[in-house]
Amino acid sequence: MINLNQYRHVLTLAEERHFARAAERVHLSQPAFSRSIQAIEAQLGLRLFERQPGDVRPTPAGAFLVERARRLLFEARCLERDLALYLDHQLGDVAFGMGPMPNVTLGPKVVAEVRQAYPQIRMRLEISNWALLLERLQLEEIEFFVAEVRDLPQDAALQVEPLMRQAGRFYVRADHPLGPGEHRLAEVWPYGVGTTRLPAALKAVLGRLGSEDALAQPALECDDPRLLHQIGLSTDTVIATTELAVADLVQQGLLRALHLPELPVVHAEMGIVRLRHRTPSPMALKVIELFQRFALGAQDSGA
């Protein structure tokens, strides 16, 4: 097999048309350079250059090879450049997924940071619940996803890294008929509950409180927390969501948390999920680092 250096020697000789000048250009002695050209001709069984005193010209076979060697070496240089940019997070693409809550709490900051720092990177995002994201991951259509992880199957092929806990509560609009003060869960269910897909552990907690039937068929279940929040703002529906997801709406006085003493503190357990034996791209590792940084910042701020 002819290697790239040998192709480079052929191209250089065709351009210089002089063995000594060509050898100097590729930093070889003239005898070593001559042996390289002779070895290529022997390997191919073709005479590539006509040698005349003071002049070297490609044969038709040599011209044929030179044209293609020029394109090959150009592509090799482009590959080297692109690989360097790829390793420096300046080129390539990344595909990952986010569950409903990470999408509204961490996703905007992570995506904005990537777009600002690495504008040449192409991103493809899958927003869905963990079950659908797991299918995408197993098909290798995404490199990782961030979602609620408590219901994930036990699978040695998965690498699951805890990311953060997000405390969950029930929220209503500021002028909801359920006014300020303490309430019982039995007062909540008649208004209907809107929620994302709840993990089995949380359903079990509510079941022990006699609320399992009420959440077995929630009034509204969807994977878009922003839609849930809008429904909570415009109707009497009670919204189950995380404190971090509605922090701005609560601060603005638009939503308020219900005080339900019988309900224990519940959390969404967010994690980063990827295939254990697949090497992530440099950009995927960078995005994962951003999720970790913003998650740590959210926890440090008490959000």
C-alpha atoms as a PDB file:
ATOM      1  CA  MET A   1       0.000   0.000   0.000  1.00  0.00           C
ATOM      2  CA  ILE A   2       1.206   3.480  -0.847  1.00  0.00           C
ATOM      3  CA  ASN A   3       1.139   5.821   2.143  1.00  0.00           C
ATOM      4  CA  LEU A   4       0.463   9.544   2.236  1.00  0.00           C
ATOM      5  CA  ASN A   5       4.162  10.433   2.449  1.00  0.00           C
ATOM      6  CA  GLN A   6       4.824   8.552  -0.767  1.00  0.00           C
ATOM      7  CA  TYR A   7       1.951  10.350  -2.500  1.00  0.00           C
ATOM      8  CA  ARG A   8       3.435  13.605  -1.210  1.00  0.00           C
ATOM      9  CA  HIS A   9       6.801  12.686  -2.751  1.00  0.00           C
ATOM     10  CA  VAL A  10       5.197  12.012  -6.139  1.00  0.00           C
ATOM     11  CA  LEU A  11       3.301  15.300  -6.051  1.00  0.00           C
ATOM     12  CA  THR A  12       6.368  17.271  -4.980  1.00  0.00           C
ATOM     13  CA  LEU A  13       8.505  15.814  -7.767  1.00  0.00           C
ATOM     14  CA  ALA A  14       5.797  16.597 -10.316  1.00  0.00           C
ATOM     15  CA  GLU A  15       5.726  20.206  -9.111  1.00  0.00           C
ATOM     16  CA  GLU A  16       9.500  20.721  -8.849  1.00  0.00           C
ATOM     17  CA  ARG A  17      10.520  18.569 -11.869  1.00  0.00           C
ATOM     18  CA  HIS A  18      13.910  18.213 -10.242  1.00  0.00           C
ATOM     19  CA  PHE A  19      15.027  15.485  -7.842  1.00  0.00           C
ATOM     20  CA  ALA A  20      17.365  17.649  -5.754  1.00  0.00           C
ATOM     21  CA  ARG A  21      14.845  20.464  -5.258  1.00  0.00           C
ATOM     22  CA  ALA A  22      12.043  18.004  -4.505  1.00  0.00           C
ATOM     23  CA  ALA A  23      14.212  16.132  -1.983  1.00  0.00           C
ATOM     24  CA  GLU A  24      15.110  19.376  -0.222  1.00  0.00           C
ATOM     25  CA  ARG A  25      11.466  20.393  -0.041  1.00  0.00           C
ATOM     26  CA  VAL A  26      10.435  17.188   1.754  1.00  0.00           C
ATOM     27  CA  HIS A  27      13.553  17.244   3.964  1.00  0.00           C
ATOM     28  CA  LEU A  28      15.201  14.115   2.541  1.00  0.00           C
ATOM     29  CA  SER A  29      18.558  13.473   0.987  1.00  0.00           C
ATOM     30  CA  GLN A  30      18.466  13.104  -2.783  1.00  0.00           C
ATOM     31  CA  PRO A  31      19.415   9.378  -2.719  1.00  0.00           C
ATOM     32  CA  ALA A  32      16.670   8.663  -0.146  1.00  0.00           C
ATOM     33  CA  PHE A  33      14.138  10.612  -2.181  1.00  0.00           C
ATOM     34  CA  SER A  34      15.109   8.816  -5.379  1.00  0.00           C
ATOM     35  CA  ARG A  35      14.714   5.446  -3.639  1.00  0.00           C
ATOM     36  CA  SER A  36      11.228   6.478  -2.478  1.00  0.00           C
ATOM     37  CA  ILE A  37      10.111   7.286  -6.038  1.00  0.00           C
ATOM     38  CA  GLN A  38      11.640   4.072  -7.355  1.00  0.00           C
ATOM     39  CA  ALA A  39       9.862   2.072  -4.631  1.00  0.00           C
ATOM     40  CA  ILE A  40       6.492   3.578  -5.609  1.00  0.00           C
ATOM     41  CA  GLU A  41       7.043   2.752  -9.260  1.00  0.00           C
ATOM     42  CA  ALA A  42       8.023  -0.794  -8.327  1.00  0.00           C
ATOM     43  CA  GLN A  43       4.949  -1.195  -6.125  1.00  0.00           C
ATOM     44  CA  LEU A  44       2.631   0.003  -8.885  1.00  0.00           C
ATOM     45  CA  GLY A  45       4.486  -1.620 -11.755  1.00  0.00           C
ATOM     46  CA  LEU A  46       4.303   1.719 -13.589  1.00  0.00           C
ATOM     47  CA  ARG A  47       6.865   4.255 -14.729  1.00  0.00           C
ATOM     48  CA  LEU A  48       5.660   7.563 -13.291  1.00  0.00           C
ATOM     49  CA  PHE A  49       8.385   9.976 -14.457  1.00  0.00           C
ATOM     50  CA  GLU A  50      10.538  10.462 -17.536  1.00  0.00           C
ATOM     51  CA  ARG A  51      14.075  11.342 -16.433  1.00  0.00           C
ATOM     52  CA  GLN A  52      15.933  13.727 -18.736  1.00  0.00           C
ATOM     53  CA  PRO A  53      19.106  15.640 -17.838  1.00  0.00           C
ATOM     54  CA  GLY A  54      17.957  18.681 -15.905  1.00  0.00           C
ATOM     55  CA  ASP A  55      14.276  17.878 -16.364  1.00  0.00           C
ATOM     56  CA  VAL A  56      11.792  15.378 -14.896  1.00  0.00           C
ATOM     57  CA  ARG A  57       8.306  15.059 -16.368  1.00  0.00           C
ATOM     58  CA  PRO A  58       5.349  12.849 -15.346  1.00  0.00           C
ATOM     59  CA  THR A  59       4.419  10.073 -17.751  1.00  0.00           C
ATOM     60  CA  PRO A  60       0.700   9.718 -18.599  1.00  0.00           C
ATOM     61  CA  ALA A  61       0.453   7.243 -15.703  1.00  0.00           C
ATOM     62  CA  GLY A  62       2.285   9.727 -13.484  1.00  0.00           C
ATOM     63  CA  ALA A  63      -0.053  12.577 -14.459  1.00  0.00           C
ATOM     64  CA  PHE A  64      -3.023  10.332 -13.705  1.00  0.00           C
ATOM     65  CA  LEU A  65      -1.638   9.551 -10.226  1.00  0.00           C
ATOM     66  CA  VAL A  66      -0.578  13.147  -9.501  1.00  0.00           C
ATOM     67  CA  GLU A  67      -4.077  14.506 -10.133  1.00  0.00           C
ATOM     68  CA  ARG A  68      -5.629  12.091  -7.660  1.00  0.00           C
ATOM     69  CA  ALA A  69      -2.788  12.388  -5.145  1.00  0.00           C
ATOM     70  CA  ARG A  70      -3.323  16.153  -5.068  1.00  0.00           C
ATOM     71  CA  ARG A  71      -7.000  15.681  -4.119  1.00  0.00           C
ATOM     72  CA  LEU A  72      -6.136  12.978  -1.587  1.00  0.00           C
ATOM     73  CA  LEU A  73      -3.525  15.130   0.175  1.00  0.00           C
ATOM     74  CA  PHE A  74      -5.895  18.097   0.217  1.00  0.00           C
ATOM     75  CA  GLU A  75      -8.565  15.969   1.903  1.00  0.00           C
ATOM     76  CA  ALA A  76      -5.982  14.663   4.371  1.00  0.00           C
ATOM     77  CA  ARG A  77      -5.017  18.221   5.337  1.00  0.00           C
ATOM     78  CA  CYS A  78      -8.690  19.123   5.737  1.00  0.00           C
ATOM     79  CA  LEU A  79      -9.193  16.081   7.928  1.00  0.00           C
ATOM     80  CA  GLU A  80      -6.247  17.018  10.143  1.00  0.00           C
ATOM     81  CA  ARG A  81      -7.587  20.564  10.508  1.00  0.00           C
ATOM     82  CA  ASP A  82     -11.142  19.420  11.224  1.00  0.00           C
ATOM     83  CA  LEU A  83      -9.933  16.859  13.753  1.00  0.00           C
ATOM     84  CA  ALA A  84      -7.984  19.555  15.590  1.00  0.00           C
ATOM     85  CA  LEU A  85     -11.095  21.763  15.655  1.00  0.00           C
ATOM     86  CA  TYR A  86     -13.227  18.815  16.756  1.00  0.00           C
ATOM     87  CA  LEU A  87     -10.920  18.085  19.681  1.00  0.00           C
ATOM     88  CA  ASP A  88     -11.024  21.780  20.580  1.00  0.00           C
ATOM     89  CA  HIS A  89     -14.870  21.710  20.595  1.00  0.00           C
ATOM     90  CA  GLN A  90     -15.042  23.999  17.571  1.00  0.00           C
ATOM     91  CA  LEU A  91     -16.409  21.547  15.025  1.00  0.00           C
ATOM     92  CA  GLY A  92     -18.758  18.601  14.905  1.00  0.00           C
ATOM     93  CA  ASP A  93     -22.192  17.949  16.255  1.00  0.00           C
ATOM     94  CA  VAL A  94     -23.829  16.529  19.344  1.00  0.00           C
ATOM     95  CA  ALA A  95     -27.188  14.848  19.890  1.00  0.00           C
ATOM     96  CA  PHE A  96     -28.649  14.433  23.357  1.00  0.00           C
ATOM     97  CA  GLY A  97     -31.977  14.257  25.144  1.00  0.00           C
ATOM     98  CA  MET A  98     -33.701  15.992  28.020  1.00  0.00           C
ATOM     99  CA  GLY A  99     -36.654  14.946  30.112  1.00  0.00           C
ATOM    100  CA  PRO A 100     -39.469  17.422  30.790  1.00  0.00           C
ATOM    101  CA  MET A 101     -38.063  18.991  33.967  1.00  0.00           C
ATOM    102  CA  PRO A 102     -34.402  19.253  32.907  1.00  0.00           C
ATOM    103  CA  ASN A 103     -35.650  20.804  29.678  1.00  0.00           C
ATOM    104  CA  VAL A 104     -37.198  23.785  31.488  1.00  0.00           C
ATOM    105  CA  THR A 105     -34.806  24.074  34.436  1.00  0.00           C
ATOM    106  CA  LEU A 106     -31.300  23.346  33.118  1.00  0.00           C
ATOM    107  CA  GLY A 107     -31.754  23.054  29.354  1.00  0.00           C
ATOM    108  CA  PRO A 108     -32.077  26.759  28.466  1.00  0.00           C
ATOM    109  CA  LYS A 109     -28.849  27.639  30.283  1.00  0.00           C
ATOM    110  CA  VAL A 110     -26.899  24.704  28.839  1.00  0.00           C
ATOM    111  CA  VAL A 111     -28.034  25.254  25.241  1.00  0.00           C
ATOM    112  CA  ALA A 112     -27.439  29.005  25.436  1.00  0.00           C
ATOM    113  CA  GLU A 113     -23.930  28.441  26.804  1.00  0.00           C
ATOM    114  CA  VAL A 114     -23.069  26.021  23.984  1.00  0.00           C
ATOM    115  CA  ARG A 115     -24.453  28.347  21.311  1.00  0.00           C
ATOM    116  CA  GLN A 116     -22.499  31.275  22.703  1.00  0.00           C
ATOM    117  CA  ALA A 117     -19.193  29.483  23.272  1.00  0.00           C
ATOM    118  CA  TYR A 118     -19.271  27.099  20.272  1.00  0.00           C
ATOM    119  CA  PRO A 119     -21.416  28.667  17.519  1.00  0.00           C
ATOM    120  CA  GLN A 120     -20.091  26.268  14.865  1.00  0.00           C
ATOM    121  CA  ILE A 121     -21.347  23.207  16.731  1.00  0.00           C
ATOM    122  CA  ARG A 122     -24.553  21.602  15.502  1.00  0.00           C
ATOM    123  CA  MET A 123     -26.919  20.360  18.215  1.00  0.00           C
ATOM    124  CA  ARG A 124     -29.873  18.011  17.931  1.00  0.00           C
ATOM    125  CA  LEU A 125     -32.124  17.788  20.971  1.00  0.00           C
ATOM    126  CA  GLU A 126     -34.715  15.156  21.844  1.00  0.00           C
ATOM    127  CA  ILE A 127     -37.272  16.336  24.439  1.00  0.00           C
ATOM    128  CA  SER A 128     -39.369  13.525  25.875  1.00  0.00           C
ATOM    129  CA  ASN A 129     -39.879  11.251  28.865  1.00  0.00           C
ATOM    130  CA  TRP A 130     -37.173   8.853  29.997  1.00  0.00           C
ATOM    131  CA  ALA A 131     -38.740   5.792  28.317  1.00  0.00           C
ATOM    132  CA  LEU A 132     -38.647   7.301  24.828  1.00  0.00           C
ATOM    133  CA  LEU A 133     -35.229   8.818  25.434  1.00  0.00           C
ATOM    134  CA  LEU A 134     -33.921   5.403  26.437  1.00  0.00           C
ATOM    135  CA  GLU A 135     -35.059   3.989  23.106  1.00  0.00           C
ATOM    136  CA  ARG A 136     -33.198   6.756  21.274  1.00  0.00           C
ATOM    137  CA  LEU A 137     -30.085   6.093  23.342  1.00  0.00           C
ATOM    138  CA  GLN A 138     -30.138   2.355  22.688  1.00  0.00           C
ATOM    139  CA  LEU A 139     -30.501   3.040  18.964  1.00  0.00           C
ATOM    140  CA  GLU A 140     -27.470   5.364  19.327  1.00  0.00           C
ATOM    141  CA  GLU A 141     -29.475   8.256  17.912  1.00  0.00           C
ATOM    142  CA  ILE A 142     -28.407  10.346  20.928  1.00  0.00           C
ATOM    143  CA  GLU A 143     -25.211  10.183  22.981  1.00  0.00           C
ATOM    144  CA  PHE A 144     -26.808  10.729  26.397  1.00  0.00           C
ATOM    145  CA  PHE A 145     -29.889  12.098  28.076  1.00  0.00           C
ATOM    146  CA  VAL A 146     -30.785  13.905  31.294  1.00  0.00           C
ATOM    147  CA  ALA A 147     -34.023  12.871  32.961  1.00  0.00           C
ATOM    148  CA  GLU A 148     -35.753  11.366  35.986  1.00  0.00           C
ATOM    149  CA  VAL A 149     -33.906   8.080  36.543  1.00  0.00           C
ATOM    150  CA  ARG A 150     -35.718   6.188  39.310  1.00  0.00           C
ATOM    151  CA  ASP A 151     -37.793   4.099  36.920  1.00  0.00           C
ATOM    152  CA  LEU A 152     -34.927   3.184  34.599  1.00  0.00           C
ATOM    153  CA  PRO A 153     -34.494  -0.587  34.146  1.00  0.00           C
ATOM    154  CA  GLN A 154     -31.510  -2.258  35.745  1.00  0.00           C
ATOM    155  CA  ASP A 155     -29.231  -2.672  32.742  1.00  0.00           C
ATOM    156  CA  ALA A 156     -25.467  -3.228  32.856  1.00  0.00           C
ATOM    157  CA  ALA A 157     -25.202  -1.497  29.478  1.00  0.00           C
ATOM    158  CA  LEU A 158     -26.321   1.803  30.999  1.00  0.00           C
ATOM    159  CA  GLN A 159     -24.120   4.238  32.896  1.00  0.00           C
ATOM    160  CA  VAL A 160     -26.271   6.391  35.176  1.00  0.00           C
ATOM    161  CA  GLU A 161     -24.708   9.338  37.000  1.00  0.00           C
ATOM    162  CA  PRO A 162     -26.770  11.255  39.594  1.00  0.00           C
ATOM    163  CA  LEU A 163     -27.117  14.915  38.687  1.00  0.00           C
ATOM    164  CA  MET A 164     -29.437  16.687  41.119  1.00  0.00           C
ATOM    165  CA  ARG A 165     -32.639  16.437  43.146  1.00  0.00           C
ATOM    166  CA  GLN A 166     -35.476  18.832  42.411  1.00  0.00           C
ATOM    167  CA  ALA A 167     -38.065  19.221  45.166  1.00  0.00           C
ATOM    168  CA  GLY A 168     -41.638  18.862  43.967  1.00  0.00           C
ATOM    169  CA  ARG A 169     -44.829  20.486  45.233  1.00  0.00           C
ATOM    170  CA  PHE A 170     -48.414  21.237  44.210  1.00  0.00           C
ATOM    171  CA  TYR A 171     -49.032  24.732  42.821  1.00  0.00           C
ATOM    172  CA  VAL A 172     -52.094  26.815  42.002  1.00  0.00           C
ATOM    173  CA  ARG A 173     -52.637  30.283  40.585  1.00  0.00           C
ATOM    174  CA  ALA A 174     -52.534  33.171  43.041  1.00  0.00           C
ATOM    175  CA  ASP A 175     -56.342  33.632  43.232  1.00  0.00           C
ATOM    176  CA  HIS A 176     -57.236  29.924  43.257  1.00  0.00           C
ATOM    177  CA  PRO A 177     -60.322  28.872  45.286  1.00  0.00           C
ATOM    178  CA  LEU A 178     -57.948  26.882  47.490  1.00  0.00           C
ATOM    179  CA  GLY A 179     -56.824  29.924  49.408  1.00  0.00           C
ATOM    180  CA  PRO A 180     -53.762  30.366  51.616  1.00  0.00           C
ATOM    181  CA  GLY A 181     -53.410  28.163  54.666  1.00  0.00           C
ATOM    182  CA  GLU A 182     -53.326  24.430  55.191  1.00  0.00           C
ATOM    183  CA  HIS A 183     -55.242  22.024  53.001  1.00  0.00           C
ATOM    184  CA  ARG A 184     -55.803  18.297  52.794  1.00  0.00           C
ATOM    185  CA  LEU A 185     -55.120  16.228  49.726  1.00  0.00           C
ATOM    186  CA  ALA A 186     -58.787  15.291  49.567  1.00  0.00           C
ATOM    187  CA  GLU A 187     -59.517  18.969  48.833  1.00  0.00           C
ATOM    188  CA  VAL A 188     -57.085  18.968  45.897  1.00  0.00           C
ATOM    189  CA  TRP A 189     -58.389  16.103  43.762  1.00  0.00           C
ATOM    190  CA  PRO A 190     -61.767  17.670  42.773  1.00  0.00           C
ATOM    191  CA  TYR A 191     -59.923  20.427  40.904  1.00  0.00           C
ATOM    192  CA  GLY A 192     -57.946  17.935  38.848  1.00  0.00           C
ATOM    193  CA  VAL A 193     -54.181  17.489  38.853  1.00  0.00           C
ATOM    194  CA  GLY A 194     -51.882  18.290  35.952  1.00  0.00           C
ATOM    195  CA  THR A 195     -48.520  16.566  35.953  1.00  0.00           C
ATOM    196  CA  THR A 196     -45.724  15.163  33.877  1.00  0.00           C
ATOM    197  CA  ARG A 197     -45.226  11.413  33.924  1.00  0.00           C
ATOM    198  CA  LEU A 198     -44.765  10.608  37.612  1.00  0.00           C
ATOM    199  CA  PRO A 199     -42.142   8.087  38.767  1.00  0.00           C
ATOM    200  CA  ALA A 200     -43.463   4.917  40.378  1.00  0.00           C
ATOM    201  CA  ALA A 201     -41.914   5.869  43.741  1.00  0.00           C
ATOM    202  CA  LEU A 202     -43.950   9.074  43.918  1.00  0.00           C
ATOM    203  CA  LYS A 203     -47.127   7.283  42.908  1.00  0.00           C
ATOM    204  CA  ALA A 204     -46.475   4.818  45.727  1.00  0.00           C
ATOM    205  CA  VAL A 205     -46.138   7.667  48.251  1.00  0.00           C
ATOM    206  CA  LEU A 206     -49.428   9.175  47.117  1.00  0.00           C
ATOM    207  CA  GLY A 207     -51.018   5.733  47.136  1.00  0.00           C
ATOM    208  CA  ARG A 208     -50.123   5.292  50.815  1.00  0.00           C
ATOM    209  CA  LEU A 209     -51.887   8.585  51.455  1.00  0.00           C
ATOM    210  CA  GLY A 210     -55.061   7.291  49.855  1.00  0.00           C
ATOM    211  CA  SER A 211     -54.510   9.269  46.681  1.00  0.00           C
ATOM    212  CA  GLU A 212     -53.559   6.542  44.266  1.00  0.00           C
ATOM    213  CA  ASP A 213     -56.895   6.541  42.439  1.00  0.00           C
ATOM    214  CA  ALA A 214     -56.736  10.291  41.945  1.00  0.00           C
ATOM    215  CA  LEU A 215     -53.370  10.122  40.192  1.00  0.00           C
ATOM    216  CA  ALA A 216     -53.924   6.868  38.337  1.00  0.00           C
ATOM    217  CA  GLN A 217     -55.768   8.980  35.762  1.00  0.00           C
ATOM    218  CA  PRO A 218     -54.574  12.588  36.222  1.00  0.00           C
ATOM    219  CA  ALA A 219     -56.710  15.314  34.729  1.00  0.00           C
ATOM    220  CA  LEU A 220     -53.786  16.312  32.527  1.00  0.00           C
ATOM    221  CA  GLU A 221     -50.572  14.403  31.894  1.00  0.00           C
ATOM    222  CA  CYS A 222     -48.028  15.718  29.396  1.00  0.00           C
ATOM    223  CA  ASP A 223     -44.263  16.047  28.926  1.00  0.00           C
ATOM    224  CA  ASP A 224     -44.347  19.840  28.580  1.00  0.00           C
ATOM    225  CA  PRO A 225     -44.078  21.550  31.991  1.00  0.00           C
ATOM    226  CA  ARG A 226     -44.509  24.981  30.412  1.00  0.00           C
ATOM    227  CA  LEU A 227     -47.925  23.949  29.110  1.00  0.00           C
ATOM    228  CA  LEU A 228     -48.832  22.627  32.554  1.00  0.00           C
ATOM    229  CA  HIS A 229     -47.801  25.918  34.130  1.00  0.00           C
ATOM    230  CA  GLN A 230     -49.931  27.890  31.667  1.00  0.00           C
ATOM    231  CA  ILE A 231     -52.922  25.663  32.440  1.00  0.00           C
ATOM    232  CA  GLY A 232     -52.332  26.249  36.139  1.00  0.00           C
ATOM    233  CA  LEU A 233     -52.273  30.006  35.561  1.00  0.00           C
ATOM    234  CA  SER A 234     -55.480  30.065  33.508  1.00  0.00           C
ATOM    235  CA  THR A 235     -57.661  27.373  35.173  1.00  0.00           C
ATOM    236  CA  ASP A 236     -58.341  25.842  38.593  1.00  0.00           C
ATOM    237  CA  THR A 237     -56.143  22.831  37.738  1.00  0.00           C
ATOM    238  CA  VAL A 238     -53.602  21.993  40.454  1.00  0.00           C
ATOM    239  CA  ILE A 239     -50.130  21.557  38.979  1.00  0.00           C
ATOM    240  CA  ALA A 240     -47.576  19.074  40.278  1.00  0.00           C
ATOM    241  CA  THR A 241     -44.132  20.383  39.354  1.00  0.00           C
ATOM    242  CA  THR A 242     -40.736  21.186  40.829  1.00  0.00           C
ATOM    243  CA  GLU A 243     -39.772  24.292  42.772  1.00  0.00           C
ATOM    244  CA  LEU A 244     -36.990  25.061  40.325  1.00  0.00           C
ATOM    245  CA  ALA A 245     -39.313  24.848  37.324  1.00  0.00           C
ATOM    246  CA  VAL A 246     -41.712  27.518  38.644  1.00  0.00           C
ATOM    247  CA  ALA A 247     -39.307  29.656  40.671  1.00  0.00           C
ATOM    248  CA  ASP A 248     -39.829  32.686  38.412  1.00  0.00           C
ATOM    249  CA  LEU A 249     -43.635  32.369  38.398  1.00  0.00           C
ATOM    250  CA  VAL A 250     -43.705  32.106  42.188  1.00  0.00           C
ATOM    251  CA  GLN A 251     -41.387  35.098  42.563  1.00  0.00           C
ATOM    252  CA  GLN A 252     -43.698  37.119  40.315  1.00  0.00           C
ATOM    253  CA  GLY A 253     -46.659  36.184  42.515  1.00  0.00           C
ATOM    254  CA  LEU A 254     -48.448  34.329  39.711  1.00  0.00           C
ATOM    255  CA  LEU A 255     -48.287  30.839  41.231  1.00  0.00           C
ATOM    256  CA  ARG A 256     -48.183  29.758  44.855  1.00  0.00           C
ATOM    257  CA  ALA A 257     -47.444  26.447  46.522  1.00  0.00           C
ATOM    258  CA  LEU A 258     -50.200  24.665  48.388  1.00  0.00           C
ATOM    259  CA  HIS A 259     -49.491  23.952  52.040  1.00  0.00           C
ATOM    260  CA  LEU A 260     -50.287  20.235  52.417  1.00  0.00           C
ATOM    261  CA  PRO A 261     -48.994  18.965  55.816  1.00  0.00           C
ATOM    262  CA  GLU A 262     -49.885  15.336  55.093  1.00  0.00           C
ATOM    263  CA  LEU A 263     -47.727  15.277  51.939  1.00  0.00           C
ATOM    264  CA  PRO A 264     -44.088  14.370  52.660  1.00  0.00           C
ATOM    265  CA  VAL A 265     -41.261  16.114  50.837  1.00  0.00           C
ATOM    266  CA  VAL A 266     -40.930  14.575  47.380  1.00  0.00           C
ATOM    267  CA  HIS A 267     -38.149  14.974  44.846  1.00  0.00           C
ATOM    268  CA  ALA A 268     -37.436  14.370  41.204  1.00  0.00           C
ATOM    269  CA  GLU A 269     -34.153  12.468  40.896  1.00  0.00           C
ATOM    270  CA  MET A 270     -32.338  13.750  37.826  1.00  0.00           C
ATOM    271  CA  GLY A 271     -29.453  11.834  36.310  1.00  0.00           C
ATOM    272  CA  ILE A 272     -27.241  11.631  33.233  1.00  0.00           C
ATOM    273  CA  VAL A 273     -27.685   8.411  31.269  1.00  0.00           C
ATOM    274  CA  ARG A 274     -25.398   7.080  28.550  1.00  0.00           C
ATOM    275  CA  LEU A 275     -24.209   3.772  27.137  1.00  0.00           C
ATOM    276  CA  ARG A 276     -21.432   2.347  29.273  1.00  0.00           C
ATOM    277  CA  HIS A 277     -19.164   1.089  26.497  1.00  0.00           C
ATOM    278  CA  ARG A 278     -19.629   3.917  23.999  1.00  0.00           C
ATOM    279  CA  THR A 279     -16.937   6.595  23.954  1.00  0.00           C
ATOM    280  CA  PRO A 280     -18.638  10.012  24.042  1.00  0.00           C
ATOM    281  CA  SER A 281     -17.566  12.738  21.655  1.00  0.00           C
ATOM    282  CA  PRO A 282     -15.575  15.655  23.104  1.00  0.00           C
ATOM    283  CA  MET A 283     -18.599  17.916  22.622  1.00  0.00           C
ATOM    284  CA  ALA A 284     -20.897  15.502  24.455  1.00  0.00           C
ATOM    285  CA  LEU A 285     -18.496  15.544  27.409  1.00  0.00           C
ATOM    286  CA  LYS A 286     -18.505  19.339  27.316  1.00  0.00           C
ATOM    287  CA  VAL A 287     -22.315  19.475  27.377  1.00  0.00           C
ATOM    288  CA  ILE A 288     -22.391  16.998  30.268  1.00  0.00           C
ATOM    289  CA  GLU A 289     -19.961  19.226  32.174  1.00  0.00           C
ATOM    290  CA  LEU A 290     -22.305  22.176  31.610  1.00  0.00           C
ATOM    291  CA  PHE A 291     -25.280  20.236  32.973  1.00  0.00           C
ATOM    292  CA  GLN A 292     -23.220  19.365  36.054  1.00  0.00           C
ATOM    293  CA  ARG A 293     -22.090  22.956  36.556  1.00  0.00           C
ATOM    294  CA  PHE A 294     -25.572  24.470  36.265  1.00  0.00           C
ATOM    295  CA  ALA A 295     -27.094  21.744  38.441  1.00  0.00           C
ATOM    296  CA  LEU A 296     -24.527  22.474  41.142  1.00  0.00           C
ATOM    297  CA  GLY A 297     -25.229  26.186  40.839  1.00  0.00           C
ATOM    298  CA  ALA A 298     -28.984  25.622  41.199  1.00  0.00           C
ATOM    299  CA  GLN A 299     -28.482  23.520  44.333  1.00  0.00           C
ATOM    300  CA  ASP A 300     -26.024  26.009  45.846  1.00  0.00           C
ATOM    301  CA  SER A 301     -28.554  28.815  45.328  1.00  0.00           C
ATOM    302  CA  GLY A 302     -31.201  26.810  47.143  1.00  0.00           C
ATOM    303  CA  ALA A 303     -33.497  26.787  44.147  1.00  0.00           C
END
